[in-house]
Amino acid sequence: MIARYEKLFKALGDKSRLRILKMLELRPMCVCEIRYVLKLSQPTVSGHLKVLKGAELVEDKKDGLWVTYSIKRDQLNKEILNILKNLDKDSQIRKDLKLVESISRESVSQL
């Protein structure tokens, strides 16, 4: 039990991972979409997703050519997301979410 909390708090201790969680709260996304919003390299985004997956915060699903990431739904994650609602007023988070609403994996995978 303590091992999960250790991984959880490590995962939450990074600004980019918090931004990813807020985006995935809005909708499932692929690496190319997350990379586009965060302006980070594909390996960096994949590394962040690996940490979030290791902390059991996100899960992935093969979807044709893409791997789609989403929030793993369980009681602990529900409580974590409730706490992260406090970030909704952050200007960077608001910009991220607005951009997420305007893109699709098809539109950004060609960039």
PDB file of N, CA and C in Angstrom:
ATOM      1  N   MET A   1       0.819  -1.201   0.000  1.00  0.00           N
ATOM      2  CA  MET A   1       0.000   0.000   0.000  1.00  0.00           C
ATOM      3  C   MET A   1       0.860   1.261   0.000  1.00  0.00           C
ATOM      4  N   ILE A   2       1.887   1.299   0.850  1.00  0.00           N
ATOM      5  CA  ILE A   2       2.728   2.490   0.923  1.00  0.00           C
ATOM      6  C   ILE A   2       3.494   2.704  -0.381  1.00  0.00           C
ATOM      7  N   ALA A   3       3.812   1.623  -1.087  1.00  0.00           N
ATOM      8  CA  ALA A   3       4.533   1.741  -2.356  1.00  0.00           C
ATOM      9  C   ALA A   3       3.701   2.503  -3.387  1.00  0.00           C
ATOM     10  N   ARG A   4       2.391   2.257  -3.421  1.00  0.00           N
ATOM     11  CA  ARG A   4       1.544   2.984  -4.368  1.00  0.00           C
ATOM     12  C   ARG A   4       1.531   4.473  -4.038  1.00  0.00           C
ATOM     13  N   TYR A   5       1.433   4.803  -2.758  1.00  0.00           N
ATOM     14  CA  TYR A   5       1.424   6.215  -2.369  1.00  0.00           C
ATOM     15  C   TYR A   5       2.750   6.886  -2.700  1.00  0.00           C
ATOM     16  N   GLU A   6       3.838   6.168  -2.513  1.00  0.00           N
ATOM     17  CA  GLU A   6       5.149   6.717  -2.852  1.00  0.00           C
ATOM     18  C   GLU A   6       5.208   7.049  -4.343  1.00  0.00           C
ATOM     19  N   LYS A   7       4.764   6.122  -5.189  1.00  0.00           N
ATOM     20  CA  LYS A   7       4.743   6.359  -6.634  1.00  0.00           C
ATOM     21  C   LYS A   7       3.766   7.470  -6.988  1.00  0.00           C
ATOM     22  N   LEU A   8       2.639   7.494  -6.305  1.00  0.00           N
ATOM     23  CA  LEU A   8       1.618   8.500  -6.551  1.00  0.00           C
ATOM     24  C   LEU A   8       2.149   9.903  -6.280  1.00  0.00           C
ATOM     25  N   PHE A   9       2.763  10.095  -5.121  1.00  0.00           N
ATOM     26  CA  PHE A   9       3.263  11.427  -4.777  1.00  0.00           C
ATOM     27  C   PHE A   9       4.433  11.840  -5.659  1.00  0.00           C
ATOM     28  N   LYS A  10       5.247  10.876  -6.072  1.00  0.00           N
ATOM     29  CA  LYS A  10       6.327  11.186  -7.016  1.00  0.00           C
ATOM     30  C   LYS A  10       5.726  11.653  -8.336  1.00  0.00           C
ATOM     31  N   ALA A  11       4.709  10.947  -8.802  1.00  0.00           N
ATOM     32  CA  ALA A  11       4.070  11.302 -10.066  1.00  0.00           C
ATOM     33  C   ALA A  11       3.438  12.689 -10.009  1.00  0.00           C
ATOM     34  N   LEU A  12       2.857  13.035  -8.878  1.00  0.00           N
ATOM     35  CA  LEU A  12       2.190  14.332  -8.727  1.00  0.00           C
ATOM     36  C   LEU A  12       3.170  15.475  -8.487  1.00  0.00           C
ATOM     37  N   GLY A  13       4.435  15.157  -8.295  1.00  0.00           N
ATOM     38  CA  GLY A  13       5.436  16.165  -7.972  1.00  0.00           C
ATOM     39  C   GLY A  13       6.079  16.828  -9.174  1.00  0.00           C
ATOM     40  N   ASP A  14       5.466  16.725 -10.336  1.00  0.00           N
ATOM     41  CA  ASP A  14       6.033  17.311 -11.546  1.00  0.00           C
ATOM     42  C   ASP A  14       4.958  18.108 -12.280  1.00  0.00           C
ATOM     43  N   LYS A  15       5.292  19.333 -12.664  1.00  0.00           N
ATOM     44  CA  LYS A  15       4.324  20.223 -13.308  1.00  0.00           C
ATOM     45  C   LYS A  15       3.786  19.634 -14.612  1.00  0.00           C
ATOM     46  N   SER A  16       4.650  19.052 -15.421  1.00  0.00           N
ATOM     47  CA  SER A  16       4.188  18.486 -16.694  1.00  0.00           C
ATOM     48  C   SER A  16       3.213  17.339 -16.471  1.00  0.00           C
ATOM     49  N   ARG A  17       3.480  16.509 -15.481  1.00  0.00           N
ATOM     50  CA  ARG A  17       2.569  15.398 -15.202  1.00  0.00           C
ATOM     51  C   ARG A  17       1.228  15.902 -14.670  1.00  0.00           C
ATOM     52  N   LEU A  18       1.244  16.964 -13.886  1.00  0.00           N
ATOM     53  CA  LEU A  18      -0.020  17.559 -13.431  1.00  0.00           C
ATOM     54  C   LEU A  18      -0.808  18.090 -14.623  1.00  0.00           C
ATOM     55  N   ARG A  19      -0.112  18.725 -15.553  1.00  0.00           N
ATOM     56  CA  ARG A  19      -0.775  19.236 -16.755  1.00  0.00           C
ATOM     57  C   ARG A  19      -1.370  18.089 -17.575  1.00  0.00           C
ATOM     58  N   ILE A  20      -0.630  16.994 -17.689  1.00  0.00           N
ATOM     59  CA  ILE A  20      -1.132  15.822 -18.416  1.00  0.00           C
ATOM     60  C   ILE A  20      -2.394  15.286 -17.750  1.00  0.00           C
ATOM     61  N   LEU A  21      -2.378  15.167 -16.439  1.00  0.00           N
ATOM     62  CA  LEU A  21      -3.562  14.662 -15.731  1.00  0.00           C
ATOM     63  C   LEU A  21      -4.777  15.546 -15.971  1.00  0.00           C
ATOM     64  N   LYS A  22      -4.579  16.851 -15.950  1.00  0.00           N
ATOM     65  CA  LYS A  22      -5.705  17.757 -16.180  1.00  0.00           C
ATOM     66  C   LYS A  22      -6.237  17.601 -17.603  1.00  0.00           C
ATOM     67  N   MET A  23      -5.342  17.398 -18.574  1.00  0.00           N
ATOM     68  CA  MET A  23      -5.787  17.192 -19.951  1.00  0.00           C
ATOM     69  C   MET A  23      -6.554  15.879 -20.084  1.00  0.00           C
ATOM     70  N   LEU A  24      -6.027  14.827 -19.465  1.00  0.00           N
ATOM     71  CA  LEU A  24      -6.681  13.518 -19.550  1.00  0.00           C
ATOM     72  C   LEU A  24      -7.996  13.497 -18.783  1.00  0.00           C
ATOM     73  N   GLU A  25      -8.135  14.388 -17.839  1.00  0.00           N
ATOM     74  CA  GLU A  25      -9.416  14.509 -17.139  1.00  0.00           C
ATOM     75  C   GLU A  25     -10.491  15.003 -18.112  1.00  0.00           C
ATOM     76  N   LEU A  26     -10.074  15.823 -19.068  1.00  0.00           N
ATOM     77  CA  LEU A  26     -11.002  16.352 -20.069  1.00  0.00           C
ATOM     78  C   LEU A  26     -11.406  15.275 -21.078  1.00  0.00           C
ATOM     79  N   ARG A  27     -10.388  14.509 -21.550  1.00  0.00           N
ATOM     80  CA  ARG A  27     -10.669  13.440 -22.514  1.00  0.00           C
ATOM     81  C   ARG A  27      -9.433  12.562 -22.697  1.00  0.00           C
ATOM     82  N   PRO A  28      -9.629  11.325 -23.182  1.00  0.00           N
ATOM     83  CA  PRO A  28      -8.475  10.480 -23.505  1.00  0.00           C
ATOM     84  C   PRO A  28      -7.659  11.114 -24.635  1.00  0.00           C
ATOM     85  N   MET A  29      -6.355  10.906 -24.599  1.00  0.00           N
ATOM     86  CA  MET A  29      -5.471  11.516 -25.593  1.00  0.00           C
ATOM     87  C   MET A  29      -4.337  10.572 -25.957  1.00  0.00           C
ATOM     88  N   CYS A  30      -3.771  10.794 -27.144  1.00  0.00           N
ATOM     89  CA  CYS A  30      -2.589  10.042 -27.551  1.00  0.00           C
ATOM     90  C   CYS A  30      -1.341  10.893 -27.284  1.00  0.00           C
ATOM     91  N   VAL A  31      -0.185  10.263 -27.377  1.00  0.00           N
ATOM     92  CA  VAL A  31       1.082  10.954 -27.096  1.00  0.00           C
ATOM     93  C   VAL A  31       1.253  12.168 -27.999  1.00  0.00           C
ATOM     94  N   CYS A  32       0.893  12.051 -29.276  1.00  0.00           N
ATOM     95  CA  CYS A  32       1.109  13.173 -30.198  1.00  0.00           C
ATOM     96  C   CYS A  32       0.303  14.404 -29.780  1.00  0.00           C
ATOM     97  N   GLU A  33      -0.893  14.208 -29.251  1.00  0.00           N
ATOM     98  CA  GLU A  33      -1.700  15.343 -28.788  1.00  0.00           C
ATOM     99  C   GLU A  33      -1.087  15.976 -27.543  1.00  0.00           C
ATOM    100  N   ILE A  34      -0.669  15.138 -26.611  1.00  0.00           N
ATOM    101  CA  ILE A  34      -0.067  15.642 -25.372  1.00  0.00           C
ATOM    102  C   ILE A  34       1.220  16.387 -25.689  1.00  0.00           C
ATOM    103  N   ARG A  35       2.026  15.815 -26.582  1.00  0.00           N
ATOM    104  CA  ARG A  35       3.279  16.445 -26.995  1.00  0.00           C
ATOM    105  C   ARG A  35       3.006  17.819 -27.614  1.00  0.00           C
ATOM    106  N   TYR A  36       1.984  17.894 -28.439  1.00  0.00           N
ATOM    107  CA  TYR A  36       1.633  19.146 -29.100  1.00  0.00           C
ATOM    108  C   TYR A  36       1.275  20.231 -28.079  1.00  0.00           C
ATOM    109  N   VAL A  37       0.479  19.884 -27.100  1.00  0.00           N
ATOM    110  CA  VAL A  37       0.049  20.862 -26.095  1.00  0.00           C
ATOM    111  C   VAL A  37       1.208  21.275 -25.191  1.00  0.00           C
ATOM    112  N   LEU A  38       1.983  20.311 -24.722  1.00  0.00           N
ATOM    113  CA  LEU A  38       3.067  20.608 -23.781  1.00  0.00           C
ATOM    114  C   LEU A  38       4.317  21.155 -24.452  1.00  0.00           C
ATOM    115  N   LYS A  39       4.419  20.979 -25.772  1.00  0.00           N
ATOM    116  CA  LYS A  39       5.611  21.400 -26.517  1.00  0.00           C
ATOM    117  C   LYS A  39       6.858  20.680 -26.000  1.00  0.00           C
ATOM    118  N   LEU A  40       6.705  19.387 -25.737  1.00  0.00           N
ATOM    119  CA  LEU A  40       7.806  18.542 -25.283  1.00  0.00           C
ATOM    120  C   LEU A  40       8.056  17.463 -26.326  1.00  0.00           C
ATOM    121  N   SER A  41       9.224  16.850 -26.272  1.00  0.00           N
ATOM    122  CA  SER A  41       9.549  15.776 -27.208  1.00  0.00           C
ATOM    123  C   SER A  41       8.717  14.531 -26.907  1.00  0.00           C
ATOM    124  N   GLN A  42       8.584  13.683 -27.909  1.00  0.00           N
ATOM    125  CA  GLN A  42       7.832  12.442 -27.742  1.00  0.00           C
ATOM    126  C   GLN A  42       8.437  11.564 -26.654  1.00  0.00           C
ATOM    127  N   PRO A  43       9.779  11.385 -26.603  1.00  0.00           N
ATOM    128  CA  PRO A  43      10.333  10.561 -25.524  1.00  0.00           C
ATOM    129  C   PRO A  43      10.069  11.137 -24.126  1.00  0.00           C
ATOM    130  N   THR A  44      10.088  12.450 -23.996  1.00  0.00           N
ATOM    131  CA  THR A  44       9.822  13.083 -22.699  1.00  0.00           C
ATOM    132  C   THR A  44       8.379  12.833 -22.272  1.00  0.00           C
ATOM    133  N   VAL A  45       7.440  13.022 -23.197  1.00  0.00           N
ATOM    134  CA  VAL A  45       6.025  12.774 -22.890  1.00  0.00           C
ATOM    135  C   VAL A  45       5.814  11.307 -22.536  1.00  0.00           C
ATOM    136  N   SER A  46       6.431  10.413 -23.304  1.00  0.00           N
ATOM    137  CA  SER A  46       6.299   8.979 -23.017  1.00  0.00           C
ATOM    138  C   SER A  46       6.842   8.641 -21.633  1.00  0.00           C
ATOM    139  N   GLY A  47       7.939   9.285 -21.245  1.00  0.00           N
ATOM    140  CA  GLY A  47       8.495   9.074 -19.906  1.00  0.00           C
ATOM    141  C   GLY A  47       7.544   9.525 -18.815  1.00  0.00           C
ATOM    142  N   HIS A  48       6.917  10.686 -19.015  1.00  0.00           N
ATOM    143  CA  HIS A  48       5.935  11.173 -18.039  1.00  0.00           C
ATOM    144  C   HIS A  48       4.746  10.213 -17.945  1.00  0.00           C
ATOM    145  N   LEU A  49       4.285   9.726 -19.088  1.00  0.00           N
ATOM    146  CA  LEU A  49       3.157   8.789 -19.083  1.00  0.00           C
ATOM    147  C   LEU A  49       3.530   7.475 -18.404  1.00  0.00           C
ATOM    148  N   LYS A  50       4.774   7.054 -18.562  1.00  0.00           N
ATOM    149  CA  LYS A  50       5.236   5.827 -17.895  1.00  0.00           C
ATOM    150  C   LYS A  50       5.173   5.988 -16.376  1.00  0.00           C
ATOM    151  N   VAL A  51       5.589   7.164 -15.881  1.00  0.00           N
ATOM    152  CA  VAL A  51       5.528   7.430 -14.437  1.00  0.00           C
ATOM    153  C   VAL A  51       4.073   7.450 -13.967  1.00  0.00           C
ATOM    154  N   LEU A  52       3.204   8.122 -14.713  1.00  0.00           N
ATOM    155  CA  LEU A  52       1.785   8.192 -14.345  1.00  0.00           C
ATOM    156  C   LEU A  52       1.130   6.812 -14.380  1.00  0.00           C
ATOM    157  N   LYS A  53       1.517   6.008 -15.355  1.00  0.00           N
ATOM    158  CA  LYS A  53       0.985   4.641 -15.436  1.00  0.00           C
ATOM    159  C   LYS A  53       1.513   3.796 -14.276  1.00  0.00           C
ATOM    160  N   GLY A  54       2.793   3.962 -13.938  1.00  0.00           N
ATOM    161  CA  GLY A  54       3.379   3.230 -12.816  1.00  0.00           C
ATOM    162  C   GLY A  54       2.730   3.577 -11.491  1.00  0.00           C
ATOM    163  N   ALA A  55       2.216   4.811 -11.393  1.00  0.00           N
ATOM    164  CA  ALA A  55       1.516   5.254 -10.184  1.00  0.00           C
ATOM    165  C   ALA A  55       0.030   4.886 -10.229  1.00  0.00           C
ATOM    166  N   GLU A  56      -0.358   4.175 -11.269  1.00  0.00           N
ATOM    167  CA  GLU A  56      -1.745   3.732 -11.449  1.00  0.00           C
ATOM    168  C   GLU A  56      -2.726   4.892 -11.587  1.00  0.00           C
ATOM    169  N   LEU A  57      -2.228   6.010 -12.120  1.00  0.00           N
ATOM    170  CA  LEU A  57      -3.093   7.162 -12.364  1.00  0.00           C
ATOM    171  C   LEU A  57      -3.697   7.130 -13.759  1.00  0.00           C
ATOM    172  N   VAL A  58      -2.958   6.574 -14.721  1.00  0.00           N
ATOM    173  CA  VAL A  58      -3.458   6.495 -16.092  1.00  0.00           C
ATOM    174  C   VAL A  58      -3.358   5.064 -16.594  1.00  0.00           C
ATOM    175  N   GLU A  59      -4.123   4.809 -17.635  1.00  0.00           N
ATOM    176  CA  GLU A  59      -4.062   3.518 -18.308  1.00  0.00           C
ATOM    177  C   GLU A  59      -4.027   3.783 -19.805  1.00  0.00           C
ATOM    178  N   ASP A  60      -3.558   2.806 -20.549  1.00  0.00           N
ATOM    179  CA  ASP A  60      -3.487   2.973 -21.994  1.00  0.00           C
ATOM    180  C   ASP A  60      -4.293   1.899 -22.699  1.00  0.00           C
ATOM    181  N   LYS A  61      -4.656   2.233 -23.941  1.00  0.00           N
ATOM    182  CA  LYS A  61      -5.458   1.315 -24.742  1.00  0.00           C
ATOM    183  C   LYS A  61      -5.042   1.484 -26.196  1.00  0.00           C
ATOM    184  N   LYS A  62      -4.731   0.388 -26.838  1.00  0.00           N
ATOM    185  CA  LYS A  62      -4.391   0.416 -28.259  1.00  0.00           C
ATOM    186  C   LYS A  62      -5.651   0.745 -29.043  1.00  0.00           C
ATOM    187  N   ASP A  63      -5.535   1.738 -29.932  1.00  0.00           N
ATOM    188  CA  ASP A  63      -6.681   2.197 -30.719  1.00  0.00           C
ATOM    189  C   ASP A  63      -6.217   2.394 -32.162  1.00  0.00           C
ATOM    190  N   GLY A  64      -6.184   1.308 -32.928  1.00  0.00           N
ATOM    191  CA  GLY A  64      -5.690   1.396 -34.301  1.00  0.00           C
ATOM    192  C   GLY A  64      -4.212   1.729 -34.308  1.00  0.00           C
ATOM    193  N   LEU A  65      -3.860   2.824 -34.955  1.00  0.00           N
ATOM    194  CA  LEU A  65      -2.464   3.256 -35.028  1.00  0.00           C
ATOM    195  C   LEU A  65      -1.980   3.934 -33.754  1.00  0.00           C
ATOM    196  N   TRP A  66      -2.898   4.326 -32.909  1.00  0.00           N
ATOM    197  CA  TRP A  66      -2.562   5.098 -31.729  1.00  0.00           C
ATOM    198  C   TRP A  66      -2.693   4.290 -30.448  1.00  0.00           C
ATOM    199  N   VAL A  67      -1.978   4.762 -29.441  1.00  0.00           N
ATOM    200  CA  VAL A  67      -2.197   4.300 -28.077  1.00  0.00           C
ATOM    201  C   VAL A  67      -2.841   5.476 -27.362  1.00  0.00           C
ATOM    202  N   THR A  68      -4.021   5.260 -26.828  1.00  0.00           N
ATOM    203  CA  THR A  68      -4.768   6.321 -26.166  1.00  0.00           C
ATOM    204  C   THR A  68      -4.626   6.172 -24.655  1.00  0.00           C
ATOM    205  N   TYR A  69      -4.319   7.284 -23.999  1.00  0.00           N
ATOM    206  CA  TYR A  69      -4.161   7.309 -22.545  1.00  0.00           C
ATOM    207  C   TYR A  69      -5.376   7.975 -21.923  1.00  0.00           C
ATOM    208  N   SER A  70      -5.786   7.442 -20.783  1.00  0.00           N
ATOM    209  CA  SER A  70      -6.925   8.008 -20.053  1.00  0.00           C
ATOM    210  C   SER A  70      -6.686   7.852 -18.554  1.00  0.00           C
ATOM    211  N   ILE A  71      -7.467   8.581 -17.781  1.00  0.00           N
ATOM    212  CA  ILE A  71      -7.399   8.477 -16.328  1.00  0.00           C
ATOM    213  C   ILE A  71      -7.918   7.107 -15.912  1.00  0.00           C
ATOM    214  N   LYS A  72      -7.178   6.430 -15.070  1.00  0.00           N
ATOM    215  CA  LYS A  72      -7.650   5.156 -14.515  1.00  0.00           C
ATOM    216  C   LYS A  72      -8.683   5.487 -13.442  1.00  0.00           C
ATOM    217  N   ARG A  73      -9.868   4.924 -13.584  1.00  0.00           N
ATOM    218  CA  ARG A  73     -10.966   5.256 -12.674  1.00  0.00           C
ATOM    219  C   ARG A  73     -10.982   4.308 -11.482  1.00  0.00           C
ATOM    220  N   ASP A  74     -10.605   4.814 -10.332  1.00  0.00           N
ATOM    221  CA  ASP A  74     -10.770   4.097  -9.070  1.00  0.00           C
ATOM    222  C   ASP A  74     -10.985   5.134  -7.975  1.00  0.00           C
ATOM    223  N   GLN A  75     -11.302   4.699  -6.790  1.00  0.00           N
ATOM    224  CA  GLN A  75     -11.675   5.626  -5.718  1.00  0.00           C
ATOM    225  C   GLN A  75     -10.539   6.574  -5.350  1.00  0.00           C
ATOM    226  N   LEU A  76      -9.318   6.062  -5.248  1.00  0.00           N
ATOM    227  CA  LEU A  76      -8.189   6.922  -4.893  1.00  0.00           C
ATOM    228  C   LEU A  76      -7.967   7.985  -5.959  1.00  0.00           C
ATOM    229  N   ASN A  77      -8.006   7.595  -7.219  1.00  0.00           N
ATOM    230  CA  ASN A  77      -7.816   8.566  -8.289  1.00  0.00           C
ATOM    231  C   ASN A  77      -8.941   9.590  -8.319  1.00  0.00           C
ATOM    232  N   LYS A  78     -10.145   9.167  -7.990  1.00  0.00           N
ATOM    233  CA  LYS A  78     -11.270  10.103  -7.905  1.00  0.00           C
ATOM    234  C   LYS A  78     -10.976  11.174  -6.854  1.00  0.00           C
ATOM    235  N   GLU A  79     -10.432  10.762  -5.734  1.00  0.00           N
ATOM    236  CA  GLU A  79     -10.080  11.714  -4.675  1.00  0.00           C
ATOM    237  C   GLU A  79      -8.931  12.626  -5.112  1.00  0.00           C
ATOM    238  N   ILE A  80      -7.947  12.067  -5.805  1.00  0.00           N
ATOM    239  CA  ILE A  80      -6.825  12.868  -6.311  1.00  0.00           C
ATOM    240  C   ILE A  80      -7.338  13.909  -7.298  1.00  0.00           C
ATOM    241  N   LEU A  81      -8.189  13.496  -8.232  1.00  0.00           N
ATOM    242  CA  LEU A  81      -8.734  14.433  -9.211  1.00  0.00           C
ATOM    243  C   LEU A  81      -9.556  15.521  -8.535  1.00  0.00           C
ATOM    244  N   ASN A  82     -10.237  15.183  -7.477  1.00  0.00           N
ATOM    245  CA  ASN A  82     -10.991  16.183  -6.729  1.00  0.00           C
ATOM    246  C   ASN A  82     -10.049  17.238  -6.146  1.00  0.00           C
ATOM    247  N   ILE A  83      -8.917  16.798  -5.619  1.00  0.00           N
ATOM    248  CA  ILE A  83      -7.913  17.736  -5.100  1.00  0.00           C
ATOM    249  C   ILE A  83      -7.351  18.595  -6.234  1.00  0.00           C
ATOM    250  N   LEU A  84      -7.112  17.974  -7.392  1.00  0.00           N
ATOM    251  CA  LEU A  84      -6.524  18.695  -8.521  1.00  0.00           C
ATOM    252  C   LEU A  84      -7.479  19.709  -9.141  1.00  0.00           C
ATOM    253  N   LYS A  85      -8.757  19.683  -8.745  1.00  0.00           N
ATOM    254  CA  LYS A  85      -9.708  20.704  -9.208  1.00  0.00           C
ATOM    255  C   LYS A  85      -9.213  22.105  -8.835  1.00  0.00           C
ATOM    256  N   ASN A  86      -8.395  22.183  -7.784  1.00  0.00           N
ATOM    257  CA  ASN A  86      -7.839  23.471  -7.371  1.00  0.00           C
ATOM    258  C   ASN A  86      -6.957  24.093  -8.447  1.00  0.00           C
ATOM    259  N   LEU A  87      -6.500  23.294  -9.401  1.00  0.00           N
ATOM    260  CA  LEU A  87      -5.663  23.815 -10.484  1.00  0.00           C
ATOM    261  C   LEU A  87      -6.484  24.405 -11.624  1.00  0.00           C
ATOM    262  N   ASP A  88      -7.792  24.258 -11.590  1.00  0.00           N
ATOM    263  CA  ASP A  88      -8.639  24.697 -12.697  1.00  0.00           C
ATOM    264  C   ASP A  88      -8.522  26.190 -12.994  1.00  0.00           C
ATOM    265  N   LYS A  89      -8.151  26.982 -12.021  1.00  0.00           N
ATOM    266  CA  LYS A  89      -8.036  28.427 -12.227  1.00  0.00           C
ATOM    267  C   LYS A  89      -6.643  28.848 -12.673  1.00  0.00           C
ATOM    268  N   ASP A  90      -5.701  27.914 -12.701  1.00  0.00           N
ATOM    269  CA  ASP A  90      -4.341  28.217 -13.131  1.00  0.00           C
ATOM    270  C   ASP A  90      -4.349  28.605 -14.610  1.00  0.00           C
ATOM    271  N   SER A  91      -3.669  29.693 -14.960  1.00  0.00           N
ATOM    272  CA  SER A  91      -3.705  30.185 -16.342  1.00  0.00           C
ATOM    273  C   SER A  91      -3.116  29.182 -17.329  1.00  0.00           C
ATOM    274  N   GLN A  92      -2.047  28.490 -16.958  1.00  0.00           N
ATOM    275  CA  GLN A  92      -1.452  27.504 -17.866  1.00  0.00           C
ATOM    276  C   GLN A  92      -2.405  26.331 -18.096  1.00  0.00           C
ATOM    277  N   ILE A  93      -3.034  25.865 -17.048  1.00  0.00           N
ATOM    278  CA  ILE A  93      -3.996  24.764 -17.174  1.00  0.00           C
ATOM    279  C   ILE A  93      -5.155  25.182 -18.070  1.00  0.00           C
ATOM    280  N   ARG A  94      -5.653  26.392 -17.900  1.00  0.00           N
ATOM    281  CA  ARG A  94      -6.761  26.870 -18.734  1.00  0.00           C
ATOM    282  C   ARG A  94      -6.352  26.945 -20.198  1.00  0.00           C
ATOM    283  N   LYS A  95      -5.128  27.418 -20.471  1.00  0.00           N
ATOM    284  CA  LYS A  95      -4.624  27.459 -21.851  1.00  0.00           C
ATOM    285  C   LYS A  95      -4.519  26.050 -22.422  1.00  0.00           C
ATOM    286  N   ASP A  96      -3.982  25.140 -21.626  1.00  0.00           N
ATOM    287  CA  ASP A  96      -3.848  23.746 -22.072  1.00  0.00           C
ATOM    288  C   ASP A  96      -5.200  23.165 -22.459  1.00  0.00           C
ATOM    289  N   LEU A  97      -6.188  23.326 -21.587  1.00  0.00           N
ATOM    290  CA  LEU A  97      -7.502  22.726 -21.825  1.00  0.00           C
ATOM    291  C   LEU A  97      -8.194  23.338 -23.038  1.00  0.00           C
ATOM    292  N   LYS A  98      -7.996  24.628 -23.234  1.00  0.00           N
ATOM    293  CA  LYS A  98      -8.571  25.284 -24.411  1.00  0.00           C
ATOM    294  C   LYS A  98      -7.947  24.711 -25.683  1.00  0.00           C
ATOM    295  N   LEU A  99      -6.636  24.500 -25.661  1.00  0.00           N
ATOM    296  CA  LEU A  99      -5.947  23.924 -26.815  1.00  0.00           C
ATOM    297  C   LEU A  99      -6.385  22.479 -27.048  1.00  0.00           C
ATOM    298  N   VAL A 100      -6.534  21.713 -25.977  1.00  0.00           N
ATOM    299  CA  VAL A 100      -6.990  20.316 -26.099  1.00  0.00           C
ATOM    300  C   VAL A 100      -8.335  20.257 -26.812  1.00  0.00           C
ATOM    301  N   GLU A 101      -9.207  21.189 -26.503  1.00  0.00           N
ATOM    302  CA  GLU A 101     -10.536  21.202 -27.125  1.00  0.00           C
ATOM    303  C   GLU A 101     -10.481  21.512 -28.616  1.00  0.00           C
ATOM    304  N   SER A 102      -9.389  22.117 -29.076  1.00  0.00           N
ATOM    305  CA  SER A 102      -9.307  22.539 -30.475  1.00  0.00           C
ATOM    306  C   SER A 102      -8.502  21.594 -31.364  1.00  0.00           C
ATOM    307  N   ILE A 103      -7.945  20.524 -30.801  1.00  0.00           N
ATOM    308  CA  ILE A 103      -7.104  19.625 -31.595  1.00  0.00           C
ATOM    309  C   ILE A 103      -7.682  18.210 -31.621  1.00  0.00           C
ATOM    310  N   SER A 104      -7.169  17.441 -32.556  1.00  0.00           N
ATOM    311  CA  SER A 104      -7.477  16.009 -32.614  1.00  0.00           C
ATOM    312  C   SER A 104      -6.184  15.279 -32.935  1.00  0.00           C
ATOM    313  N   ARG A 105      -6.160  13.994 -32.680  1.00  0.00           N
ATOM    314  CA  ARG A 105      -4.940  13.238 -32.963  1.00  0.00           C
ATOM    315  C   ARG A 105      -4.628  13.258 -34.451  1.00  0.00           C
ATOM    316  N   GLU A 106      -5.663  13.285 -35.288  1.00  0.00           N
ATOM    317  CA  GLU A 106      -5.431  13.341 -36.734  1.00  0.00           C
ATOM    318  C   GLU A 106      -4.784  14.661 -37.139  1.00  0.00           C
ATOM    319  N   SER A 107      -5.210  15.756 -36.524  1.00  0.00           N
ATOM    320  CA  SER A 107      -4.673  17.066 -36.911  1.00  0.00           C
ATOM    321  C   SER A 107      -3.239  17.277 -36.443  1.00  0.00           C
ATOM    322  N   VAL A 108      -2.855  16.699 -35.323  1.00  0.00           N
ATOM    323  CA  VAL A 108      -1.498  16.939 -34.812  1.00  0.00           C
ATOM    324  C   VAL A 108      -0.513  15.841 -35.169  1.00  0.00           C
ATOM    325  N   SER A 109      -0.978  14.683 -35.593  1.00  0.00           N
ATOM    326  CA  SER A 109      -0.049  13.590 -35.903  1.00  0.00           C
ATOM    327  C   SER A 109       0.735  13.864 -37.173  1.00  0.00           C
ATOM    328  N   GLN A 110       0.268  14.771 -38.000  1.00  0.00           N
ATOM    329  CA  GLN A 110       0.954  15.111 -39.248  1.00  0.00           C
ATOM    330  C   GLN A 110       1.997  16.203 -39.067  1.00  0.00           C
ATOM    331  N   LEU A 111       2.063  16.791 -37.886  1.00  0.00           N
ATOM    332  CA  LEU A 111       2.992  17.909 -37.636  1.00  0.00           C
ATOM    333  C   LEU A 111       4.369  17.422 -37.254  1.00  0.00           C
TER     334      LEU A 111
END
